Amino acid sequence: QVQLVESGGGLVQPGGSLRLSCFASGFTFSRSAMSWYRQAPGKEREFVALISSASFLTNYASSVKGRFTISRDNDKNTMYLQMNSLKPEDTAVYYCRYQDVWGQGTLVTVSS
């Protein structure tokens, strides 16, 4: 059974940083591309970042490029999203995704 569990969300001031984690189980993580999405209040879920199985390829939404970094540790079956220079518009529930499976999400709130 495929499971994705996000963690690391919370309240942070504008300009601050957070690191999200996504622990995966039930499939061969090291052979799988993974991605992050987010959904802000009242908006549709949107793509944030993607990473290939061996980390050779990454891709970012233009809104986060240069501020967010996606990474993974295949030995720990875990993907990360380092978020720097956070803005109020980054406030959202952040989800990790593997094919058509989603985690439960972790809430990030950027506010003073």
Protein backbone atom coordinates (compact mmCIF):
# COMPACT_ATOMS: atom_id res chain seq x y z
CA GLN A 1 0.00 0.00 0.00
CA VAL A 2 1.47 3.30 -1.11
CA GLN A 3 1.64 5.91 1.64
CA LEU A 4 2.98 9.44 1.69
CA VAL A 5 3.31 11.37 4.95
CA GLU A 6 4.23 15.04 4.96
CA SER A 7 5.60 16.94 7.93
CA GLY A 8 7.35 20.19 8.78
CA GLY A 9 4.64 22.76 8.19
CA GLY A 10 3.89 25.57 10.60
CA LEU A 11 3.66 29.31 11.13
CA VAL A 12 6.56 31.43 9.92
CA GLN A 13 7.10 35.15 9.45
CA PRO A 14 7.61 36.65 5.99
CA GLY A 15 11.21 36.19 4.94
CA GLY A 16 11.58 33.08 7.06
CA SER A 17 12.35 29.49 6.16
CA LEU A 18 10.84 26.05 6.60
CA ARG A 19 11.78 22.56 5.47
CA LEU A 20 9.05 20.12 4.57
CA SER A 21 9.53 16.36 4.51
CA CYS A 22 7.62 13.59 2.75
CA PHE A 23 8.20 10.03 3.92
CA ALA A 24 7.18 7.42 1.34
CA SER A 25 6.43 3.72 1.69
CA GLY A 26 4.84 0.90 -0.28
CA PHE A 27 6.74 1.38 -3.54
CA THR A 28 10.31 1.59 -4.85
CA PHE A 29 11.02 5.16 -3.87
CA SER A 30 14.53 5.24 -5.33
CA ARG A 31 13.15 4.55 -8.82
CA SER A 32 10.34 7.08 -8.70
CA ALA A 33 10.00 10.72 -9.64
CA MET A 34 8.28 12.71 -6.93
CA SER A 35 6.69 16.12 -6.72
CA TRP A 36 5.32 18.79 -4.41
CA TYR A 37 2.05 20.62 -4.90
CA ARG A 38 0.22 23.20 -2.85
CA GLN A 39 -3.32 24.47 -2.41
CA ALA A 40 -3.99 27.93 -1.06
CA PRO A 41 -7.35 28.79 0.53
CA GLY A 42 -9.98 29.21 -2.16
CA LYS A 43 -7.63 28.24 -4.97
CA GLU A 44 -6.92 25.15 -7.03
CA ARG A 45 -4.05 22.84 -6.23
CA GLU A 46 -0.91 23.87 -8.13
CA PHE A 47 2.45 22.35 -9.00
CA VAL A 48 5.43 23.49 -6.95
CA ALA A 49 8.41 21.28 -7.79
CA LEU A 50 9.47 17.94 -9.18
CA ILE A 51 12.54 15.75 -8.74
CA SER A 52 13.63 12.74 -10.76
CA SER A 53 14.45 9.41 -9.16
CA ALA A 54 18.20 10.00 -8.87
CA SER A 55 17.91 13.77 -8.39
CA PHE A 56 19.45 14.53 -11.79
CA LEU A 57 16.43 16.55 -12.88
CA THR A 58 14.46 19.15 -10.96
CA ASN A 59 11.77 21.54 -12.08
CA TYR A 60 10.06 24.42 -10.30
CA ALA A 61 7.05 26.64 -10.68
CA SER A 62 8.10 30.14 -11.64
CA SER A 63 6.58 31.49 -8.45
CA VAL A 64 9.04 29.57 -6.25
CA LYS A 65 12.14 29.31 -8.44
CA GLY A 66 15.20 30.63 -6.66
CA ARG A 67 13.53 30.43 -3.23
CA PHE A 68 12.57 26.75 -2.88
CA THR A 69 14.81 23.71 -3.29
CA ILE A 70 13.55 20.17 -3.77
CA SER A 71 15.76 17.27 -2.74
CA ARG A 72 15.56 13.64 -1.70
CA ASP A 73 17.36 10.98 0.31
CA ASN A 74 16.69 7.62 -1.29
CA ASP A 75 18.27 5.78 1.65
CA LYS A 76 15.61 7.30 3.91
CA ASN A 77 12.69 7.12 1.43
CA THR A 78 12.21 10.82 2.04
CA MET A 79 11.76 13.89 -0.14
CA TYR A 80 12.28 17.43 1.08
CA LEU A 81 11.27 20.95 0.18
CA GLN A 82 13.49 23.69 1.57
CA MET A 83 11.56 26.94 1.46
CA ASN A 84 13.41 30.23 1.94
CA SER A 85 12.36 33.87 1.68
CA LEU A 86 8.79 32.87 2.35
CA LYS A 87 6.00 35.24 1.37
CA PRO A 88 2.39 35.47 2.58
CA GLU A 89 1.29 34.16 -0.81
CA ASP A 90 3.15 30.91 -0.07
CA THR A 91 0.51 30.15 2.56
CA ALA A 92 -1.08 26.84 1.57
CA VAL A 93 -1.43 23.19 2.35
CA TYR A 94 1.58 21.45 0.80
CA TYR A 95 1.21 17.95 -0.59
CA CYS A 96 3.66 15.40 -1.90
CA ARG A 97 2.64 13.28 -4.83
CA TYR A 98 3.65 9.96 -6.38
CA GLN A 99 1.76 9.19 -9.61
CA ASP A 100 -1.90 9.45 -8.55
CA VAL A 101 -1.27 9.13 -4.82
CA TRP A 102 -1.25 12.17 -2.52
CA GLY A 103 -0.22 12.65 1.06
CA GLN A 104 -2.51 14.20 3.65
CA GLY A 105 -0.78 17.58 3.38
CA THR A 106 0.98 19.88 5.80
CA LEU A 107 -0.12 23.46 6.40
CA VAL A 108 2.32 26.33 5.89
CA THR A 109 1.21 29.75 7.10
CA VAL A 110 3.34 32.79 6.34
CA SER A 111 2.21 35.72 8.44
CA SER A 112 3.53 38.39 10.77
